Amino acid sequence: MAKKAQLVNTAPEDIDIDECMNSYTHIYSPDLLQHGCDTVIASRNLEKLTEAAKKLISATGRRCLPIAVDVRKPETITAAVEESLKTLGHIDILINNAAGNFLCPVTSLSFNAFRTVMEIDTMGTFNTSKVIYDKWFKDHGGSIVNISATLGYRGQALQVHAGSAKAANDAMTRHLAVEWGPSGVRVNTVAPGPISGTEGYRRLGGQIAETAGAYRSIPLQRAGNKTEIAHAVLYLASHAASYVTGAILVADGGAWLTSANDVEQLLGVWSAEKRKDK
């Protein structure tokens, strides 16, 4: 039994840098719809997008269209969707992954900082979902997967801005699932925990927590990796989840159930980051 449990809890292959993997072992059928699909990647920085698109094209052999978008501005989303449809002909899946986050106690959080995170995370998710629904999903169906977080489940310290935004997105997932289901649109969410090899992991004290042994309090006793979150998203986006909508899939190794909400430790991480920025 112990050997079997260990095998189940073994993390899949991944790399700790923002690059494409050189190899991948399929856990789903390789011809599942989303394996090998053409993609559109969007953010504000076109230079970084273009470089990422080159890497994805090289790794997959499929088309990848980079488009500069500010999710706070619906007109840029509309232009991006129109360009995507012109180039690729259809849109089947939307992944809402825009986010802004940083550790900050409420007493040091400015009104503008709180508003900006809400605009990126919550308004950005609404804006993008609505534009794509109006432009394509309404008449053709589709799958939306929102990337959330577990921050709001227990009032995570130093995260009132991101926790509030993601809690709103979880509610939005359920509302959109109800209203758009008759159009053949499924809307679901993945809520990751600490995921190694990501910008969030680096910025939000993940490496410090790992070094300090904090992840021993997680039931699976480790951080997750990017491949594991990709598998969760792939499941919800694909036909494997054809009868799943309005669901919040927590993929955090059980962290939100057991990990300490240590205000003093997080304040220490925040203070260290502030000193580095000076």
Protein backbone atom coordinates (compact mmCIF):
# COMPACT_ATOMS: atom_id res chain seq x y z
CA MET A 1 0.00 0.00 0.00
CA ALA A 2 2.82 2.42 0.85
CA LYS A 3 4.51 1.87 -2.51
CA LYS A 4 1.26 2.40 -4.39
CA ALA A 5 0.53 5.63 -2.46
CA GLN A 6 4.02 6.91 -3.21
CA LEU A 7 3.54 6.24 -6.93
CA VAL A 8 0.22 8.10 -6.99
CA ASN A 9 1.84 11.13 -5.33
CA THR A 10 4.82 11.28 -7.70
CA ALA A 11 4.95 14.61 -9.54
CA PRO A 12 4.98 14.39 -13.35
CA GLU A 13 7.88 15.70 -15.41
CA ASP A 14 8.38 19.46 -15.47
CA ILE A 15 11.12 22.10 -15.56
CA ASP A 16 11.76 24.95 -13.12
CA ILE A 17 12.16 27.64 -15.75
CA ASP A 18 9.72 29.34 -18.12
CA GLU A 19 10.53 27.15 -21.11
CA CYS A 20 8.88 24.35 -23.07
CA MET A 21 9.69 20.82 -21.95
CA ASN A 22 11.90 18.77 -24.26
CA SER A 23 9.69 15.71 -23.81
CA TYR A 24 6.29 14.83 -22.41
CA THR A 25 4.68 11.55 -21.40
CA HIS A 26 0.97 11.58 -22.21
CA ILE A 27 -1.40 10.65 -19.40
CA TYR A 28 -4.42 11.24 -21.64
CA SER A 29 -4.84 9.89 -25.15
CA PRO A 30 -2.46 11.88 -27.41
CA ASP A 31 -5.30 12.59 -29.85
CA LEU A 32 -7.55 14.17 -27.22
CA LEU A 33 -8.82 17.38 -28.81
CA GLN A 34 -6.58 19.81 -26.93
CA HIS A 35 -3.32 17.92 -27.35
CA GLY A 36 -1.63 19.62 -30.28
CA CYS A 37 -4.13 22.42 -30.83
CA ASP A 38 -3.34 25.78 -32.40
CA THR A 39 -3.15 28.52 -29.79
CA VAL A 40 -3.46 32.24 -29.26
CA ILE A 41 -1.45 33.74 -26.40
CA ALA A 42 -2.22 37.24 -25.19
CA SER A 43 -0.83 39.76 -22.73
CA ARG A 44 0.35 43.37 -22.72
CA ASN A 45 3.99 42.65 -23.65
CA LEU A 46 4.14 41.73 -27.34
CA GLU A 47 7.92 41.22 -27.28
CA LYS A 48 7.67 38.50 -24.64
CA LEU A 49 4.64 36.97 -26.36
CA THR A 50 6.45 36.75 -29.68
CA GLU A 51 9.40 34.97 -28.06
CA ALA A 52 7.06 32.57 -26.26
CA ALA A 53 5.16 31.86 -29.49
CA LYS A 54 8.40 30.92 -31.27
CA LYS A 55 9.20 28.44 -28.51
CA LEU A 56 5.71 26.92 -28.60
CA ILE A 57 5.76 26.59 -32.38
CA SER A 58 9.17 24.91 -32.22
CA ALA A 59 8.07 22.53 -29.45
CA THR A 60 4.66 21.58 -30.85
CA GLY A 61 4.80 22.14 -34.60
CA ARG A 62 1.45 23.93 -34.39
CA ARG A 63 0.45 27.52 -34.98
CA CYS A 64 0.70 30.01 -32.12
CA LEU A 65 -0.57 33.55 -32.61
CA PRO A 66 0.79 36.20 -30.20
CA ILE A 67 -1.48 39.23 -29.70
CA ALA A 68 -1.02 42.22 -27.42
CA VAL A 69 -4.08 42.62 -25.18
CA ASP A 70 -4.93 44.57 -22.04
CA VAL A 71 -7.79 42.64 -20.44
CA ARG A 72 -8.91 45.81 -18.68
CA LYS A 73 -9.77 47.30 -22.09
CA PRO A 74 -12.57 45.42 -23.91
CA GLU A 75 -11.72 47.06 -27.23
CA THR A 76 -8.30 45.36 -27.27
CA ILE A 77 -9.96 42.01 -26.54
CA THR A 78 -12.45 42.54 -29.36
CA ALA A 79 -9.63 43.27 -31.80
CA ALA A 80 -7.72 40.19 -30.61
CA VAL A 81 -10.74 37.90 -30.97
CA GLU A 82 -11.43 39.20 -34.47
CA GLU A 83 -7.80 38.63 -35.46
CA SER A 84 -7.89 35.14 -33.96
CA LEU A 85 -11.03 34.21 -35.87
CA LYS A 86 -9.62 35.62 -39.08
CA THR A 87 -6.40 33.64 -38.69
CA LEU A 88 -7.63 30.36 -37.16
CA GLY A 89 -11.29 30.31 -38.16
CA HIS A 90 -12.76 29.32 -34.79
CA ILE A 91 -12.23 29.44 -31.04
CA ASP A 92 -12.99 26.36 -28.95
CA ILE A 93 -11.40 27.10 -25.57
CA LEU A 94 -10.72 30.19 -23.48
CA ILE A 95 -8.25 30.07 -20.58
CA ASN A 96 -8.54 33.14 -18.33
CA ASN A 97 -5.16 33.42 -16.63
CA ALA A 98 -4.52 37.16 -16.32
CA ALA A 99 -3.58 38.09 -12.75
CA GLY A 100 -1.77 40.65 -10.67
CA ASN A 101 -0.52 39.72 -7.21
CA PHE A 102 2.01 40.58 -4.54
CA LEU A 103 2.27 40.19 -0.78
CA CYS A 104 1.04 43.27 1.08
CA PRO A 105 -0.62 43.93 4.45
CA VAL A 106 -3.88 45.86 4.21
CA THR A 107 -2.36 48.79 6.13
CA SER A 108 0.20 49.26 3.33
CA LEU A 109 -2.13 48.52 0.41
CA SER A 110 -3.09 51.60 -1.59
CA PHE A 111 -6.57 52.16 -3.00
CA ASN A 112 -5.09 52.11 -6.49
CA ALA A 113 -3.24 48.82 -5.91
CA PHE A 114 -6.44 47.08 -4.74
CA ARG A 115 -8.40 48.47 -7.68
CA THR A 116 -5.74 47.44 -10.20
CA VAL A 117 -5.76 43.82 -9.05
CA MET A 118 -9.55 43.72 -9.18
CA GLU A 119 -9.48 45.22 -12.69
CA ILE A 120 -6.96 42.69 -14.00
CA ASP A 121 -8.24 39.55 -12.27
CA THR A 122 -11.98 40.09 -12.09
CA MET A 123 -12.86 42.65 -14.75
CA GLY A 124 -10.31 41.03 -17.07
CA THR A 125 -11.98 37.63 -16.71
CA PHE A 126 -15.44 39.12 -17.25
CA ASN A 127 -14.36 41.26 -20.21
CA THR A 128 -12.62 38.43 -22.04
CA SER A 129 -15.37 35.89 -21.39
CA LYS A 130 -18.12 38.25 -22.54
CA VAL A 131 -16.35 39.34 -25.73
CA ILE A 132 -15.60 35.77 -26.79
CA TYR A 133 -19.11 34.65 -25.90
CA ASP A 134 -20.67 37.45 -27.95
CA LYS A 135 -18.28 36.97 -30.88
CA TRP A 136 -18.24 33.15 -31.10
CA PHE A 137 -19.33 30.96 -28.19
CA LYS A 138 -22.96 32.15 -28.25
CA ASP A 139 -23.53 30.47 -31.60
CA HIS A 140 -20.91 27.69 -31.52
CA GLY A 141 -20.46 26.64 -27.89
CA GLY A 142 -17.12 26.38 -26.17
CA SER A 143 -15.22 25.76 -22.95
CA ILE A 144 -13.94 28.40 -20.51
CA VAL A 145 -11.44 27.56 -17.79
CA ASN A 146 -10.63 30.27 -15.25
CA ILE A 147 -7.42 30.09 -13.21
CA SER A 148 -8.24 31.01 -9.64
CA ALA A 149 -6.56 30.53 -6.24
CA THR A 150 -7.46 29.25 -2.78
CA LEU A 151 -6.56 32.57 -1.10
CA GLY A 152 -10.11 33.56 -0.30
CA TYR A 153 -11.15 30.22 1.18
CA ARG A 154 -9.80 31.08 4.63
CA GLY A 155 -8.75 34.74 4.53
CA GLN A 156 -5.08 34.34 3.58
CA ALA A 157 -2.89 36.97 5.23
CA LEU A 158 -1.40 39.74 3.04
CA GLN A 159 -3.65 38.74 0.15
CA VAL A 160 -6.89 40.72 0.53
CA HIS A 161 -6.58 42.12 -3.01
CA ALA A 162 -5.95 38.84 -4.86
CA GLY A 163 -8.17 36.79 -2.56
CA SER A 164 -11.12 39.13 -3.10
CA ALA A 165 -10.60 39.13 -6.86
CA LYS A 166 -10.38 35.35 -7.11
CA ALA A 167 -13.41 34.86 -4.85
CA ALA A 168 -15.37 37.05 -7.24
CA ASN A 169 -14.12 34.95 -10.16
CA ASP A 170 -15.24 31.74 -8.47
CA ALA A 171 -18.73 33.22 -8.16
CA MET A 172 -18.56 34.40 -11.78
CA THR A 173 -17.73 30.85 -12.88
CA ARG A 174 -20.99 29.59 -11.39
CA HIS A 175 -23.11 32.46 -12.72
CA LEU A 176 -21.76 32.15 -16.27
CA ALA A 177 -22.15 28.38 -16.19
CA VAL A 178 -25.84 28.78 -15.40
CA GLU A 179 -26.57 31.47 -17.99
CA TRP A 180 -24.41 30.17 -20.83
CA GLY A 181 -25.03 26.44 -20.44
CA PRO A 182 -28.00 26.52 -22.85
CA SER A 183 -25.62 27.87 -25.52
CA GLY A 184 -23.36 24.85 -25.12
CA VAL A 185 -20.74 26.75 -23.12
CA ARG A 186 -19.10 25.09 -20.13
CA VAL A 187 -17.43 27.34 -17.53
CA ASN A 188 -15.12 25.87 -14.89
CA THR A 189 -12.21 26.89 -12.67
CA VAL A 190 -8.90 25.45 -11.54
CA ALA A 191 -7.60 26.78 -8.21
CA PRO A 192 -3.87 25.95 -7.90
CA GLY A 193 -1.82 25.95 -4.74
CA PRO A 194 1.94 26.68 -4.61
CA ILE A 195 3.30 25.75 -8.04
CA SER A 196 7.07 25.57 -8.52
CA GLY A 197 8.81 27.11 -11.50
CA THR A 198 6.34 29.99 -11.83
CA GLU A 199 6.59 33.74 -11.42
CA GLY A 200 4.06 33.60 -8.60
CA TYR A 201 6.15 31.01 -6.77
CA ARG A 202 9.18 33.26 -6.99
CA ARG A 203 7.38 36.47 -6.03
CA LEU A 204 5.12 35.15 -3.27
CA GLY A 205 7.68 33.41 -1.10
CA GLY A 206 7.36 29.87 -2.47
CA GLN A 207 11.08 29.19 -2.46
CA ILE A 208 11.45 30.56 1.08
CA ALA A 209 8.60 28.35 2.29
CA GLU A 210 10.08 25.29 0.60
CA THR A 211 13.52 25.91 2.13
CA ALA A 212 11.94 26.34 5.56
CA GLY A 213 10.13 23.02 5.26
CA ALA A 214 6.69 24.65 5.30
CA TYR A 215 5.33 22.26 2.70
CA ARG A 216 5.53 19.35 5.10
CA SER A 217 2.19 20.64 6.42
CA ILE A 218 0.58 20.05 3.02
CA PRO A 219 -1.09 16.60 2.93
CA LEU A 220 0.89 15.67 -0.21
CA GLN A 221 3.98 17.28 1.40
CA ARG A 222 5.29 19.16 -1.63
CA ALA A 223 4.61 22.00 -4.01
CA GLY A 224 2.86 21.20 -7.26
CA ASN A 225 4.34 21.77 -10.70
CA LYS A 226 3.17 23.35 -13.93
CA THR A 227 2.48 20.04 -15.65
CA GLU A 228 0.02 19.06 -12.94
CA ILE A 229 -1.96 22.26 -13.43
CA ALA A 230 -1.85 21.77 -17.20
CA HIS A 231 -3.40 18.32 -16.69
CA ALA A 232 -6.20 19.79 -14.56
CA VAL A 233 -6.92 22.49 -17.15
CA LEU A 234 -6.79 19.97 -19.99
CA TYR A 235 -9.35 17.78 -18.25
CA LEU A 236 -11.84 20.62 -17.73
CA ALA A 237 -11.30 22.05 -21.22
CA SER A 238 -11.69 18.73 -23.02
CA HIS A 239 -14.56 16.41 -23.85
CA ALA A 240 -13.47 14.28 -20.89
CA ALA A 241 -15.39 16.84 -18.79
CA SER A 242 -18.33 17.18 -21.18
CA TYR A 243 -20.89 17.09 -18.34
CA VAL A 244 -18.91 19.30 -15.96
CA THR A 245 -19.74 22.99 -15.63
CA GLY A 246 -19.73 25.50 -12.78
CA ALA A 247 -17.07 23.43 -10.97
CA ILE A 248 -14.11 24.68 -8.94
CA LEU A 249 -11.30 22.12 -9.12
CA VAL A 250 -8.80 22.73 -6.33
CA ALA A 251 -5.33 21.44 -7.30
CA ASP A 252 -3.17 22.28 -4.31
CA GLY A 253 -2.20 18.99 -2.70
CA GLY A 254 -4.64 19.74 0.12
CA ALA A 255 -2.67 22.86 1.14
CA TRP A 256 -5.64 25.08 1.86
CA LEU A 257 -6.95 22.56 4.36
CA THR A 258 -3.85 22.33 6.54
CA SER A 259 -1.15 24.93 5.80
CA ALA A 260 -0.43 27.54 8.46
CA ASN A 261 -1.70 31.06 7.81
CA ASP A 262 1.36 32.59 9.49
CA VAL A 263 1.04 36.38 9.42
CA GLU A 264 4.45 37.01 10.99
CA GLN A 265 6.23 34.72 8.53
CA LEU A 266 4.51 36.34 5.56
CA LEU A 267 5.31 39.80 6.88
CA GLY A 268 8.92 38.70 7.01
CA VAL A 269 8.81 37.64 3.37
CA TRP A 270 7.12 40.92 2.46
CA SER A 271 9.74 42.95 4.33
CA ALA A 272 12.56 41.03 2.62
CA GLU A 273 11.06 41.72 -0.80
CA LYS A 274 10.68 45.41 0.03
CA ARG A 275 14.36 45.59 0.99
CA LYS A 276 15.37 43.91 -2.28
CA ASP A 277 13.36 46.46 -4.27
CA LYS A 278 15.23 49.40 -2.72
